[in-house]
Amino acid sequence: MTGPLPGHLLAAADRVCAAGRQVVAAGLSPGASGNLSERVGDLVVVTPTGLGLGDLEPDRLAVVDTTGAPAAGARPSKEVPLHLALYRREPGVAAVVHLHSPYAVAASCLPPWSPASALPPVTPYFVMRVGRTPLAPYAPPGSQELAASLDGLPGRFTAALLGNHGSLTGGADLDRAVDAAVELEEAARVTVLLGGREARWLDDGQARELAERYGTHWG
């Protein structure tokens, strides 16, 4: 514990707690798994280690700076480097959601659909709300290797599957990051249910048009 959260971060802390309850209610955060964060200037409010997302309270959260150094609150999640990696590569991302939701985990154990995206453009909503979602190679949870695996992926994206691990989504705010996590889980569910059968995806032109219109990335 490094002291209470500064007052200007309390609104962000409330949003993190609300988002935690939301993903638990949606069945996307089994046990004490998963972590959330919101960036406020040069500080990041992040969930603590060892606490289920349904049990969050503002005074139990952690604050780190953009290097990952503790700044206030409780001991942060070990996945802080992963969150910071997405903040670094996409300056428009102000909130990050990392979950071990079942279909995203299942999809993360399968070969990727393409080098650019682990999942195909299975629905327009996946392309509109998430965009291309590359597969990061496996690295131990909480490790600098895992964060570096994100750094090593080419192109622009605001979501990824982590090999044999789960999902990572970012957004301009927590609502959008959570919405992306929900949509990613749904796209993974449909993909897994298809079981490798030949399927009809959106073609590249359709996917690119949607991505351009809704501000995501494809191709």
C-alpha atoms as a PDB file:
ATOM      1  CA  MET A   1       0.000   0.000   0.000  1.00  0.00           C
ATOM      2  CA  THR A   2       1.436   3.365  -1.051  1.00  0.00           C
ATOM      3  CA  GLY A   3      -1.273   5.684   0.254  1.00  0.00           C
ATOM      4  CA  PRO A   4      -4.831   6.626  -0.743  1.00  0.00           C
ATOM      5  CA  LEU A   5      -5.884   7.438  -4.264  1.00  0.00           C
ATOM      6  CA  PRO A   6      -5.653  11.152  -5.150  1.00  0.00           C
ATOM      7  CA  GLY A   7      -9.035  12.838  -5.348  1.00  0.00           C
ATOM      8  CA  HIS A   8      -8.817  13.558  -9.076  1.00  0.00           C
ATOM      9  CA  LEU A   9      -8.645   9.797  -9.727  1.00  0.00           C
ATOM     10  CA  LEU A  10     -11.756   8.818  -7.761  1.00  0.00           C
ATOM     11  CA  ALA A  11     -14.109   9.143 -10.742  1.00  0.00           C
ATOM     12  CA  ALA A  12     -11.859   6.828 -12.754  1.00  0.00           C
ATOM     13  CA  ALA A  13     -11.758   4.419  -9.807  1.00  0.00           C
ATOM     14  CA  ASP A  14     -15.564   4.357  -9.719  1.00  0.00           C
ATOM     15  CA  ARG A  15     -15.657   3.563 -13.437  1.00  0.00           C
ATOM     16  CA  VAL A  16     -13.165   0.717 -13.028  1.00  0.00           C
ATOM     17  CA  CYS A  17     -15.254  -0.804 -10.234  1.00  0.00           C
ATOM     18  CA  ALA A  18     -18.455  -0.522 -12.291  1.00  0.00           C
ATOM     19  CA  ALA A  19     -16.750  -2.135 -15.287  1.00  0.00           C
ATOM     20  CA  GLY A  20     -15.551  -4.974 -13.076  1.00  0.00           C
ATOM     21  CA  ARG A  21     -19.089  -5.705 -11.931  1.00  0.00           C
ATOM     22  CA  GLN A  22     -20.281  -5.555 -15.527  1.00  0.00           C
ATOM     23  CA  VAL A  23     -17.861  -8.164 -16.877  1.00  0.00           C
ATOM     24  CA  VAL A  24     -18.519 -10.474 -13.922  1.00  0.00           C
ATOM     25  CA  ALA A  25     -22.289 -10.201 -14.461  1.00  0.00           C
ATOM     26  CA  ALA A  26     -21.705 -11.070 -18.127  1.00  0.00           C
ATOM     27  CA  GLY A  27     -19.848 -14.248 -17.126  1.00  0.00           C
ATOM     28  CA  LEU A  28     -16.561 -13.075 -18.631  1.00  0.00           C
ATOM     29  CA  SER A  29     -14.342 -13.095 -15.531  1.00  0.00           C
ATOM     30  CA  PRO A  30     -14.188 -16.495 -13.794  1.00  0.00           C
ATOM     31  CA  GLY A  31     -12.820 -16.541 -10.247  1.00  0.00           C
ATOM     32  CA  ALA A  32     -10.367 -13.757  -9.500  1.00  0.00           C
ATOM     33  CA  SER A  33      -9.163 -13.587 -13.112  1.00  0.00           C
ATOM     34  CA  GLY A  34      -8.906 -10.543 -15.333  1.00  0.00           C
ATOM     35  CA  ASN A  35      -7.816  -6.962 -14.816  1.00  0.00           C
ATOM     36  CA  LEU A  36      -8.922  -3.487 -15.892  1.00  0.00           C
ATOM     37  CA  SER A  37      -7.338  -0.075 -16.097  1.00  0.00           C
ATOM     38  CA  GLU A  38      -8.057   3.515 -17.064  1.00  0.00           C
ATOM     39  CA  ARG A  39      -5.415   6.074 -17.982  1.00  0.00           C
ATOM     40  CA  VAL A  40      -5.726   9.580 -16.563  1.00  0.00           C
ATOM     41  CA  GLY A  41      -2.931  11.802 -17.822  1.00  0.00           C
ATOM     42  CA  ASP A  42       0.381  10.237 -16.837  1.00  0.00           C
ATOM     43  CA  LEU A  43      -1.213   7.905 -14.262  1.00  0.00           C
ATOM     44  CA  VAL A  44      -3.083   4.617 -14.661  1.00  0.00           C
ATOM     45  CA  VAL A  45      -5.792   3.401 -12.266  1.00  0.00           C
ATOM     46  CA  VAL A  46      -5.617  -0.399 -12.322  1.00  0.00           C
ATOM     47  CA  THR A  47      -7.199  -3.306 -10.503  1.00  0.00           C
ATOM     48  CA  PRO A  48      -5.149  -4.835  -7.672  1.00  0.00           C
ATOM     49  CA  THR A  49      -3.634  -8.276  -7.527  1.00  0.00           C
ATOM     50  CA  GLY A  50      -5.656 -11.171  -6.127  1.00  0.00           C
ATOM     51  CA  LEU A  51      -9.083  -9.515  -6.019  1.00  0.00           C
ATOM     52  CA  GLY A  52     -12.064 -10.617  -8.109  1.00  0.00           C
ATOM     53  CA  LEU A  53     -13.474  -8.002 -10.439  1.00  0.00           C
ATOM     54  CA  GLY A  54     -16.870  -8.249  -8.736  1.00  0.00           C
ATOM     55  CA  ASP A  55     -15.351  -7.280  -5.385  1.00  0.00           C
ATOM     56  CA  LEU A  56     -13.656  -4.041  -6.386  1.00  0.00           C
ATOM     57  CA  GLU A  57     -13.953  -0.885  -4.293  1.00  0.00           C
ATOM     58  CA  PRO A  58     -12.331   2.462  -5.161  1.00  0.00           C
ATOM     59  CA  ASP A  59     -10.109   2.420  -2.076  1.00  0.00           C
ATOM     60  CA  ARG A  60      -8.818  -1.055  -2.980  1.00  0.00           C
ATOM     61  CA  LEU A  61      -7.499  -0.107  -6.420  1.00  0.00           C
ATOM     62  CA  ALA A  62      -3.932   0.707  -7.413  1.00  0.00           C
ATOM     63  CA  VAL A  63      -2.302   3.586  -9.282  1.00  0.00           C
ATOM     64  CA  VAL A  64       0.888   3.337 -11.326  1.00  0.00           C
ATOM     65  CA  ASP A  65       2.732   5.770 -13.530  1.00  0.00           C
ATOM     66  CA  THR A  66       3.440   5.173 -17.208  1.00  0.00           C
ATOM     67  CA  THR A  67       6.601   3.229 -16.346  1.00  0.00           C
ATOM     68  CA  GLY A  68       4.640   0.865 -14.093  1.00  0.00           C
ATOM     69  CA  ALA A  69       6.034   2.283 -10.856  1.00  0.00           C
ATOM     70  CA  PRO A  70       3.484   2.272  -7.989  1.00  0.00           C
ATOM     71  CA  ALA A  71       2.085   5.738  -7.261  1.00  0.00           C
ATOM     72  CA  ALA A  72      -0.798   5.125  -4.821  1.00  0.00           C
ATOM     73  CA  GLY A  73      -3.212   2.536  -3.512  1.00  0.00           C
ATOM     74  CA  ALA A  74      -2.856  -1.230  -3.325  1.00  0.00           C
ATOM     75  CA  ARG A  75      -0.423  -3.591  -5.027  1.00  0.00           C
ATOM     76  CA  PRO A  76      -1.308  -3.533  -8.747  1.00  0.00           C
ATOM     77  CA  SER A  77      -2.117  -6.473 -10.978  1.00  0.00           C
ATOM     78  CA  LYS A  78       0.915  -8.299 -12.309  1.00  0.00           C
ATOM     79  CA  GLU A  79      -0.404  -7.577 -15.821  1.00  0.00           C
ATOM     80  CA  VAL A  80       0.421  -3.858 -15.623  1.00  0.00           C
ATOM     81  CA  PRO A  81       3.172  -4.227 -18.285  1.00  0.00           C
ATOM     82  CA  LEU A  82       0.596  -5.657 -20.703  1.00  0.00           C
ATOM     83  CA  HIS A  83      -1.766  -2.708 -20.180  1.00  0.00           C
ATOM     84  CA  LEU A  84       1.080  -0.228 -20.596  1.00  0.00           C
ATOM     85  CA  ALA A  85       2.151  -1.909 -23.839  1.00  0.00           C
ATOM     86  CA  LEU A  86      -1.262  -1.255 -25.389  1.00  0.00           C
ATOM     87  CA  TYR A  87      -1.325   2.333 -24.100  1.00  0.00           C
ATOM     88  CA  ARG A  88       2.102   2.923 -25.646  1.00  0.00           C
ATOM     89  CA  ARG A  89       1.259   1.644 -29.088  1.00  0.00           C
ATOM     90  CA  GLU A  90      -2.198   3.249 -29.375  1.00  0.00           C
ATOM     91  CA  PRO A  91      -2.318   6.776 -27.901  1.00  0.00           C
ATOM     92  CA  GLY A  92      -6.105   6.938 -28.447  1.00  0.00           C
ATOM     93  CA  VAL A  93      -6.637   4.098 -25.978  1.00  0.00           C
ATOM     94  CA  ALA A  94      -7.581   5.386 -22.508  1.00  0.00           C
ATOM     95  CA  ALA A  95      -8.883   2.131 -20.987  1.00  0.00           C
ATOM     96  CA  VAL A  96      -7.814  -1.513 -21.186  1.00  0.00           C
ATOM     97  CA  VAL A  97      -9.678  -4.738 -20.367  1.00  0.00           C
ATOM     98  CA  HIS A  98      -7.894  -8.096 -20.032  1.00  0.00           C
ATOM     99  CA  LEU A  99     -10.117 -11.154 -19.517  1.00  0.00           C
ATOM    100  CA  HIS A 100      -9.917 -14.946 -19.404  1.00  0.00           C
ATOM    101  CA  SER A 101     -13.386 -15.371 -20.903  1.00  0.00           C
ATOM    102  CA  PRO A 102     -13.953 -18.971 -22.069  1.00  0.00           C
ATOM    103  CA  TYR A 103     -14.369 -18.610 -25.829  1.00  0.00           C
ATOM    104  CA  ALA A 104     -11.573 -16.075 -26.158  1.00  0.00           C
ATOM    105  CA  VAL A 105      -9.304 -18.497 -24.287  1.00  0.00           C
ATOM    106  CA  ALA A 106     -10.445 -21.349 -26.547  1.00  0.00           C
ATOM    107  CA  ALA A 107      -9.775 -19.284 -29.673  1.00  0.00           C
ATOM    108  CA  SER A 108      -6.364 -18.285 -28.319  1.00  0.00           C
ATOM    109  CA  CYS A 109      -5.395 -21.984 -28.318  1.00  0.00           C
ATOM    110  CA  LEU A 110      -6.203 -22.396 -32.027  1.00  0.00           C
ATOM    111  CA  PRO A 111      -4.108 -21.438 -35.047  1.00  0.00           C
ATOM    112  CA  PRO A 112      -4.850 -17.834 -36.061  1.00  0.00           C
ATOM    113  CA  TRP A 113      -7.164 -17.226 -38.990  1.00  0.00           C
ATOM    114  CA  SER A 114      -4.467 -15.086 -40.622  1.00  0.00           C
ATOM    115  CA  PRO A 115      -1.198 -13.391 -39.642  1.00  0.00           C
ATOM    116  CA  ALA A 116      -3.151 -10.148 -39.214  1.00  0.00           C
ATOM    117  CA  SER A 117      -6.085 -11.431 -37.139  1.00  0.00           C
ATOM    118  CA  ALA A 118      -6.644 -14.469 -34.962  1.00  0.00           C
ATOM    119  CA  LEU A 119     -10.358 -14.299 -35.753  1.00  0.00           C
ATOM    120  CA  PRO A 120     -11.994 -13.869 -39.172  1.00  0.00           C
ATOM    121  CA  PRO A 121     -14.460 -11.072 -39.974  1.00  0.00           C
ATOM    122  CA  VAL A 122     -17.262 -13.328 -38.823  1.00  0.00           C
ATOM    123  CA  THR A 123     -19.811 -10.551 -38.233  1.00  0.00           C
ATOM    124  CA  PRO A 124     -19.974  -6.853 -39.106  1.00  0.00           C
ATOM    125  CA  TYR A 125     -20.192  -6.050 -35.386  1.00  0.00           C
ATOM    126  CA  PHE A 126     -16.834  -7.664 -34.689  1.00  0.00           C
ATOM    127  CA  VAL A 127     -15.224  -5.495 -37.360  1.00  0.00           C
ATOM    128  CA  MET A 128     -17.133  -2.366 -36.272  1.00  0.00           C
ATOM    129  CA  ARG A 129     -16.483  -2.643 -32.518  1.00  0.00           C
ATOM    130  CA  VAL A 130     -13.183  -4.504 -32.316  1.00  0.00           C
ATOM    131  CA  GLY A 131     -11.360  -4.677 -35.623  1.00  0.00           C
ATOM    132  CA  ARG A 132      -8.485  -6.934 -36.451  1.00  0.00           C
ATOM    133  CA  THR A 133      -7.300  -8.927 -33.467  1.00  0.00           C
ATOM    134  CA  PRO A 134      -3.847 -10.475 -33.875  1.00  0.00           C
ATOM    135  CA  LEU A 135      -2.664 -13.470 -31.863  1.00  0.00           C
ATOM    136  CA  ALA A 136       0.257 -12.714 -29.563  1.00  0.00           C
ATOM    137  CA  PRO A 137       2.495 -15.735 -28.983  1.00  0.00           C
ATOM    138  CA  TYR A 138       2.368 -17.393 -25.587  1.00  0.00           C
ATOM    139  CA  ALA A 139       4.424 -15.877 -22.799  1.00  0.00           C
ATOM    140  CA  PRO A 140       4.050 -16.343 -19.026  1.00  0.00           C
ATOM    141  CA  PRO A 141       1.270 -14.221 -17.456  1.00  0.00           C
ATOM    142  CA  GLY A 142       2.545 -11.036 -15.884  1.00  0.00           C
ATOM    143  CA  SER A 143       5.913 -11.238 -17.616  1.00  0.00           C
ATOM    144  CA  GLN A 144       7.784  -8.600 -19.532  1.00  0.00           C
ATOM    145  CA  GLU A 145       7.907 -11.182 -22.337  1.00  0.00           C
ATOM    146  CA  LEU A 146       4.112 -11.011 -22.610  1.00  0.00           C
ATOM    147  CA  ALA A 147       4.173  -7.231 -22.932  1.00  0.00           C
ATOM    148  CA  ALA A 148       7.007  -7.502 -25.463  1.00  0.00           C
ATOM    149  CA  SER A 149       4.982 -10.017 -27.481  1.00  0.00           C
ATOM    150  CA  LEU A 150       2.372  -7.285 -27.943  1.00  0.00           C
ATOM    151  CA  ASP A 151       5.065  -4.812 -28.965  1.00  0.00           C
ATOM    152  CA  GLY A 152       6.229  -7.261 -31.614  1.00  0.00           C
ATOM    153  CA  LEU A 153       2.903  -7.477 -33.455  1.00  0.00           C
ATOM    154  CA  PRO A 154       2.763  -5.472 -36.710  1.00  0.00           C
ATOM    155  CA  GLY A 155       0.202  -2.906 -37.768  1.00  0.00           C
ATOM    156  CA  ARG A 156      -2.441  -1.053 -35.810  1.00  0.00           C
ATOM    157  CA  PHE A 157      -4.983  -2.715 -33.527  1.00  0.00           C
ATOM    158  CA  THR A 158      -6.803  -2.107 -30.258  1.00  0.00           C
ATOM    159  CA  ALA A 159      -7.462  -5.762 -29.392  1.00  0.00           C
ATOM    160  CA  ALA A 160      -5.467  -8.974 -29.312  1.00  0.00           C
ATOM    161  CA  LEU A 161      -5.751 -12.586 -28.279  1.00  0.00           C
ATOM    162  CA  LEU A 162      -2.938 -13.767 -26.029  1.00  0.00           C
ATOM    163  CA  GLY A 163      -1.789 -17.281 -26.831  1.00  0.00           C
ATOM    164  CA  ASN A 164      -3.347 -19.887 -24.489  1.00  0.00           C
ATOM    165  CA  HIS A 165      -4.373 -17.072 -22.166  1.00  0.00           C
ATOM    166  CA  GLY A 166      -7.264 -14.755 -23.054  1.00  0.00           C
ATOM    167  CA  SER A 167      -8.198 -11.427 -24.571  1.00  0.00           C
ATOM    168  CA  LEU A 168      -7.023  -7.826 -24.422  1.00  0.00           C
ATOM    169  CA  THR A 169      -9.155  -4.905 -25.599  1.00  0.00           C
ATOM    170  CA  GLY A 170      -8.677  -1.162 -25.473  1.00  0.00           C
ATOM    171  CA  GLY A 171     -10.974   1.776 -26.028  1.00  0.00           C
ATOM    172  CA  ALA A 172     -11.307   5.525 -25.765  1.00  0.00           C
ATOM    173  CA  ASP A 173     -13.068   4.876 -22.455  1.00  0.00           C
ATOM    174  CA  LEU A 174     -13.975   1.906 -20.280  1.00  0.00           C
ATOM    175  CA  ASP A 175     -17.436   1.520 -21.778  1.00  0.00           C
ATOM    176  CA  ARG A 176     -15.925   1.040 -25.224  1.00  0.00           C
ATOM    177  CA  ALA A 177     -13.180  -1.272 -23.984  1.00  0.00           C
ATOM    178  CA  VAL A 178     -15.766  -3.449 -22.214  1.00  0.00           C
ATOM    179  CA  ASP A 179     -18.051  -3.417 -25.264  1.00  0.00           C
ATOM    180  CA  ALA A 180     -15.098  -4.562 -27.373  1.00  0.00           C
ATOM    181  CA  ALA A 181     -14.347  -7.372 -24.921  1.00  0.00           C
ATOM    182  CA  VAL A 182     -17.972  -8.541 -25.070  1.00  0.00           C
ATOM    183  CA  GLU A 183     -18.003  -8.418 -28.879  1.00  0.00           C
ATOM    184  CA  LEU A 184     -14.649 -10.197 -29.087  1.00  0.00           C
ATOM    185  CA  GLU A 185     -15.965 -12.991 -26.868  1.00  0.00           C
ATOM    186  CA  GLU A 186     -19.007 -13.327 -29.119  1.00  0.00           C
ATOM    187  CA  ALA A 187     -16.881 -13.476 -32.276  1.00  0.00           C
ATOM    188  CA  ALA A 188     -14.659 -16.092 -30.627  1.00  0.00           C
ATOM    189  CA  ARG A 189     -17.740 -18.096 -29.604  1.00  0.00           C
ATOM    190  CA  VAL A 190     -19.127 -18.137 -33.137  1.00  0.00           C
ATOM    191  CA  THR A 191     -15.712 -19.056 -34.572  1.00  0.00           C
ATOM    192  CA  VAL A 192     -15.261 -21.920 -32.108  1.00  0.00           C
ATOM    193  CA  LEU A 193     -18.812 -23.167 -32.701  1.00  0.00           C
ATOM    194  CA  LEU A 194     -18.101 -23.351 -36.426  1.00  0.00           C
ATOM    195  CA  GLY A 195     -15.346 -25.816 -35.519  1.00  0.00           C
ATOM    196  CA  GLY A 196     -13.094 -25.187 -38.495  1.00  0.00           C
ATOM    197  CA  ARG A 197     -15.814 -25.871 -41.046  1.00  0.00           C
ATOM    198  CA  GLU A 198     -15.719 -23.942 -44.295  1.00  0.00           C
ATOM    199  CA  ALA A 199     -17.656 -20.756 -43.626  1.00  0.00           C
ATOM    200  CA  ARG A 200     -18.633 -17.541 -45.371  1.00  0.00           C
ATOM    201  CA  TRP A 201     -16.856 -14.538 -43.870  1.00  0.00           C
ATOM    202  CA  LEU A 202     -17.160 -10.888 -44.811  1.00  0.00           C
ATOM    203  CA  ASP A 203     -14.854 -10.303 -47.743  1.00  0.00           C
ATOM    204  CA  ASP A 204     -11.855  -8.004 -47.437  1.00  0.00           C
ATOM    205  CA  GLY A 205     -13.592  -5.063 -49.090  1.00  0.00           C
ATOM    206  CA  GLN A 206     -16.628  -5.347 -46.815  1.00  0.00           C
ATOM    207  CA  ALA A 207     -14.438  -5.563 -43.709  1.00  0.00           C
ATOM    208  CA  ARG A 208     -12.257  -2.617 -44.719  1.00  0.00           C
ATOM    209  CA  GLU A 209     -15.280  -0.450 -45.491  1.00  0.00           C
ATOM    210  CA  LEU A 210     -16.765  -1.126 -42.051  1.00  0.00           C
ATOM    211  CA  ALA A 211     -13.443  -0.530 -40.309  1.00  0.00           C
ATOM    212  CA  GLU A 212     -12.987   2.804 -42.067  1.00  0.00           C
ATOM    213  CA  ARG A 213     -16.537   3.889 -41.294  1.00  0.00           C
ATOM    214  CA  TYR A 214     -16.409   2.971 -37.602  1.00  0.00           C
ATOM    215  CA  GLY A 215     -12.822   3.896 -36.807  1.00  0.00           C
ATOM    216  CA  THR A 216     -11.364   0.427 -36.241  1.00  0.00           C
ATOM    217  CA  HIS A 217      -8.468  -1.284 -38.035  1.00  0.00           C
ATOM    218  CA  TRP A 218      -8.571  -4.085 -40.590  1.00  0.00           C
ATOM    219  CA  GLY A 219      -6.259  -5.512 -43.235  1.00  0.00           C
END
